[in-house]
Amino acid sequence: MPHRRPRHLTPRPAGAAAVFDARFITGLADGAAVATWADLTANARNATQATGANQPLYKTAIKGGCPVVRFDGTNDVLTTAAFTLNQPSTMFVVYVVNDNNNRTAIDALAANTRRIFSFPSGGAQFSFVTMFAGTLQTNTAIARGNWVVVRATFNGASSRLSVNGIATTVSPGSSAASGITIGDQGGAGAPLLGDIMSVSGVPGAMSEPLAKRFEQNYARVAKIPCS
């Protein structure tokens, strides 16, 4: 019987606001600068960087055989144009942080509407994934240098943060996101030293079974253990 590849599920069919997936970057060789990370939805909310020195790199066959976008921890960052992603909404991010400094994978464009997945400064062995919508909500211990699939559902008191399938109920308030910053905080301050495979934002109340399906598919593609 022939081997059948698993279907690559992304939030695109679920009416996503924006989807960035390094598996679908075309026209770049290994090590090339990424000036534009194309949004896979029909919204065309591309994440861009006009300054060459601040462009991250496209790297092939890094995690699970998949490519990634690599950020240098100094000034690499990509941003979308402004748009509003109200609550309820769900964010998915697949990434790794490679040192022990304060690092941010994604944020909104403005600090007062932030939705951050970051590793704050910590010890050599463990730090944290954090979820904000105005204020810090939860810390989840995770080893630095390990890839994570993060799913954050922003829905007031019904919000949830899941890291590699382990979920925590949180209540981050009602802030909306004002676009997406990839690789740093909105307004700079905690640039990522690490790799990002994908970022997705889905408006509306996504059902738990569907959200879990996306989360587990991302983990399967990247070969990340996920409960």
Protein backbone atom coordinates (compact mmCIF):
# COMPACT_ATOMS: atom_id res chain seq x y z
CA MET A 1 0.00 0.00 0.00
CA PRO A 2 1.52 3.41 -0.92
CA HIS A 3 2.44 5.82 1.85
CA ARG A 4 0.05 8.76 2.12
CA ARG A 5 1.28 12.10 3.42
CA PRO A 6 -0.90 13.69 6.14
CA ARG A 7 -2.93 16.67 5.04
CA HIS A 8 -1.27 19.96 6.03
CA LEU A 9 -4.03 21.64 7.98
CA THR A 10 -3.81 25.40 8.50
CA PRO A 11 -6.35 27.88 9.91
CA ARG A 12 -6.84 29.31 6.41
CA PRO A 13 -10.10 27.40 5.81
CA ALA A 14 -11.40 28.53 9.21
CA GLY A 15 -11.68 32.17 8.14
CA ALA A 16 -8.30 33.25 9.52
CA ALA A 17 -7.37 36.92 9.83
CA ALA A 18 -3.74 36.18 8.87
CA VAL A 19 -1.59 33.08 8.39
CA PHE A 20 2.20 32.94 8.03
CA ASP A 21 3.76 29.54 7.39
CA ALA A 22 7.39 29.05 6.39
CA ARG A 23 6.50 25.83 4.54
CA PHE A 24 4.79 27.94 1.90
CA ILE A 25 7.51 30.57 1.36
CA THR A 26 8.60 30.45 -2.27
CA GLY A 27 11.39 31.97 -4.34
CA LEU A 28 14.02 32.10 -1.58
CA ALA A 29 17.18 30.05 -1.18
CA ASP A 30 18.51 28.83 2.15
CA GLY A 31 19.93 31.80 4.07
CA ALA A 32 18.16 34.46 2.00
CA ALA A 33 16.75 37.55 3.70
CA VAL A 34 12.97 37.67 4.19
CA ALA A 35 11.67 41.09 3.17
CA THR A 36 8.07 39.87 2.94
CA TRP A 37 6.42 36.95 4.69
CA ALA A 38 3.24 36.51 2.68
CA ASP A 39 -0.10 36.15 4.41
CA LEU A 40 -1.70 32.95 3.08
CA THR A 41 -5.25 34.26 3.48
CA ALA A 42 -7.12 36.38 0.96
CA ASN A 43 -6.65 39.36 3.33
CA ALA A 44 -3.09 39.94 2.05
CA ARG A 45 -1.86 41.14 5.46
CA ASN A 46 1.76 40.48 4.57
CA ALA A 47 4.44 40.93 7.25
CA THR A 48 7.24 43.06 5.83
CA GLN A 49 10.57 44.70 6.61
CA ALA A 50 12.02 47.33 4.25
CA THR A 51 15.39 47.67 6.00
CA GLY A 52 17.78 44.98 4.82
CA ALA A 53 19.75 44.81 8.09
CA ASN A 54 16.52 44.11 9.98
CA GLN A 55 15.28 41.28 7.79
CA PRO A 56 15.26 37.76 9.24
CA LEU A 57 16.58 34.80 7.24
CA TYR A 58 14.82 31.93 5.51
CA LYS A 59 16.34 28.60 6.60
CA THR A 60 15.47 25.23 5.10
CA ALA A 61 15.05 21.79 6.71
CA ILE A 62 15.42 23.00 10.31
CA LYS A 63 12.63 21.36 12.32
CA GLY A 64 10.88 18.18 11.27
CA GLY A 65 12.33 18.71 7.80
CA CYS A 66 10.47 22.03 7.54
CA PRO A 67 11.84 25.52 6.85
CA VAL A 68 11.71 28.37 9.35
CA VAL A 69 12.21 32.13 9.53
CA ARG A 70 15.25 32.86 11.71
CA PHE A 71 15.55 36.01 13.86
CA ASP A 72 18.94 37.29 15.07
CA GLY A 73 17.97 38.60 18.54
CA THR A 74 19.17 42.11 17.71
CA ASN A 75 16.94 43.94 15.24
CA ASP A 76 15.17 41.43 12.99
CA VAL A 77 11.43 42.06 12.89
CA LEU A 78 8.47 41.84 10.49
CA THR A 79 5.20 43.75 10.85
CA THR A 80 1.82 43.79 9.17
CA ALA A 81 -0.18 46.88 8.42
CA ALA A 82 -2.63 47.84 11.14
CA PHE A 83 -5.80 45.82 11.43
CA THR A 84 -8.04 44.92 14.37
CA LEU A 85 -8.35 41.42 15.75
CA ASN A 86 -11.03 41.59 18.41
CA GLN A 87 -11.87 39.03 21.03
CA PRO A 88 -12.81 36.24 20.85
CA SER A 89 -9.90 35.08 18.73
CA THR A 90 -7.27 32.34 18.72
CA MET A 91 -3.55 32.61 17.97
CA PHE A 92 -1.25 29.71 17.03
CA VAL A 93 2.55 30.07 17.04
CA VAL A 94 5.23 27.41 16.41
CA TYR A 95 8.67 28.64 17.50
CA VAL A 96 11.85 28.16 19.53
CA VAL A 97 13.92 30.56 21.66
CA ASN A 98 17.67 29.92 21.78
CA ASP A 99 19.02 31.90 24.73
CA ASN A 100 18.16 33.08 28.25
CA ASN A 101 17.31 36.73 27.59
CA ASN A 102 13.92 38.41 27.31
CA ARG A 103 12.60 37.33 23.89
CA THR A 104 9.27 37.82 22.13
CA ALA A 105 7.88 35.71 19.30
CA ILE A 106 4.82 37.79 18.40
CA ASP A 107 2.95 40.85 19.59
CA ALA A 108 0.44 43.38 18.34
CA LEU A 109 1.69 46.59 16.74
CA ALA A 110 1.00 48.74 19.79
CA ALA A 111 2.11 47.88 23.32
CA ASN A 112 -1.26 48.68 24.89
CA THR A 113 -3.05 46.09 22.74
CA ARG A 114 -0.41 43.40 22.93
CA ARG A 115 -0.80 39.68 22.67
CA ILE A 116 2.65 38.36 23.40
CA PHE A 117 4.16 34.90 23.39
CA SER A 118 7.52 35.47 25.03
CA PHE A 119 10.26 33.93 27.10
CA PRO A 120 11.14 36.48 29.83
CA SER A 121 14.65 36.52 31.25
CA GLY A 122 15.29 33.39 33.27
CA GLY A 123 17.72 30.70 34.28
CA ALA A 124 19.71 28.50 31.99
CA GLN A 125 17.33 25.54 32.20
CA PHE A 126 13.77 26.84 32.29
CA SER A 127 11.83 29.96 31.51
CA PHE A 128 8.25 30.72 30.50
CA VAL A 129 5.73 31.22 27.77
CA THR A 130 3.57 34.22 28.65
CA MET A 131 0.25 35.52 27.36
CA PHE A 132 -0.74 39.19 27.54
CA ALA A 133 -3.72 41.30 26.59
CA GLY A 134 -2.76 44.36 28.57
CA THR A 135 -1.34 42.48 31.60
CA LEU A 136 0.58 39.26 32.27
CA GLN A 137 -1.71 36.29 32.75
CA THR A 138 0.21 33.07 33.13
CA ASN A 139 3.63 31.47 33.17
CA THR A 140 4.17 27.96 31.85
CA ALA A 141 7.54 26.33 32.52
CA ILE A 142 9.28 25.16 29.35
CA ALA A 143 12.91 24.41 28.57
CA ARG A 144 14.64 26.97 26.39
CA GLY A 145 15.89 25.57 23.13
CA ASN A 146 12.83 23.30 22.89
CA TRP A 147 10.29 23.93 20.16
CA VAL A 148 6.77 24.82 21.28
CA VAL A 149 3.32 24.91 19.75
CA VAL A 150 1.46 27.70 21.53
CA ARG A 151 -2.30 28.13 21.25
CA ALA A 152 -3.84 31.15 22.94
CA THR A 153 -7.60 31.71 22.91
CA PHE A 154 -8.45 35.32 23.84
CA ASN A 155 -12.02 35.30 25.11
CA GLY A 156 -12.25 37.25 28.36
CA ALA A 157 -12.70 35.02 31.41
CA SER A 158 -12.95 31.98 29.11
CA SER A 159 -9.45 32.48 27.68
CA ARG A 160 -7.01 29.56 27.50
CA LEU A 161 -3.27 29.19 26.96
CA SER A 162 -1.98 25.84 25.71
CA VAL A 163 1.72 24.98 25.37
CA ASN A 164 2.46 21.68 23.62
CA GLY A 165 -1.06 20.57 24.43
CA ILE A 166 -1.02 21.45 28.15
CA ALA A 167 -3.70 24.06 28.77
CA THR A 168 -4.25 26.69 31.46
CA THR A 169 -7.40 28.81 31.91
CA VAL A 170 -6.64 32.54 32.10
CA SER A 171 -8.49 35.87 31.94
CA PRO A 172 -6.47 38.51 30.04
CA GLY A 173 -9.20 41.14 29.76
CA SER A 174 -10.85 42.34 26.55
CA SER A 175 -8.05 44.07 24.60
CA ALA A 176 -8.00 43.80 20.82
CA ALA A 177 -4.83 43.24 18.80
CA SER A 178 -3.76 46.03 16.45
CA GLY A 179 -2.05 44.03 13.72
CA ILE A 180 0.88 41.63 14.22
CA THR A 181 4.56 42.12 15.01
CA ILE A 182 6.64 38.99 14.34
CA GLY A 183 9.99 38.62 16.10
CA ASP A 184 9.74 41.37 18.72
CA GLN A 185 7.42 43.36 20.97
CA GLY A 186 5.28 46.05 19.42
CA GLY A 187 7.54 49.09 19.53
CA ALA A 188 10.66 46.88 19.96
CA GLY A 189 12.43 45.92 23.15
CA ALA A 190 12.63 42.11 23.26
CA PRO A 191 13.84 40.84 19.85
CA LEU A 192 13.66 37.10 19.25
CA LEU A 193 16.81 35.02 19.05
CA GLY A 194 15.29 31.92 17.52
CA ASP A 195 13.15 30.48 14.77
CA ILE A 196 9.48 30.73 13.87
CA MET A 197 7.78 28.15 11.68
CA SER A 198 4.26 29.60 11.67
CA VAL A 199 1.94 32.28 13.05
CA SER A 200 -1.84 32.26 12.66
CA GLY A 201 -4.63 34.47 13.95
CA VAL A 202 -8.26 33.35 13.75
CA PRO A 203 -11.16 35.65 14.70
CA GLY A 204 -14.30 34.41 16.41
CA ALA A 205 -14.93 31.66 18.91
CA MET A 206 -13.11 28.55 17.60
CA SER A 207 -14.47 25.36 19.11
CA GLU A 208 -12.14 23.45 21.40
CA PRO A 209 -12.12 20.29 19.19
CA LEU A 210 -11.22 22.33 16.09
CA ALA A 211 -8.56 24.37 17.92
CA LYS A 212 -7.07 21.16 19.32
CA ARG A 213 -7.01 19.67 15.83
CA PHE A 214 -4.98 22.61 14.49
CA GLU A 215 -2.63 22.49 17.48
CA GLN A 216 -1.95 18.77 17.10
CA ASN A 217 -1.44 19.07 13.36
CA TYR A 218 1.18 21.80 13.80
CA ALA A 219 2.91 19.59 16.37
CA ARG A 220 2.81 16.57 14.08
CA VAL A 221 4.27 18.48 11.12
CA ALA A 222 7.09 19.91 13.25
CA LYS A 223 7.62 16.68 15.19
CA ILE A 224 6.95 18.37 18.54
CA PRO A 225 5.55 16.25 21.41
CA CYS A 226 2.02 17.47 22.15
CA SER A 227 -0.50 16.15 24.65
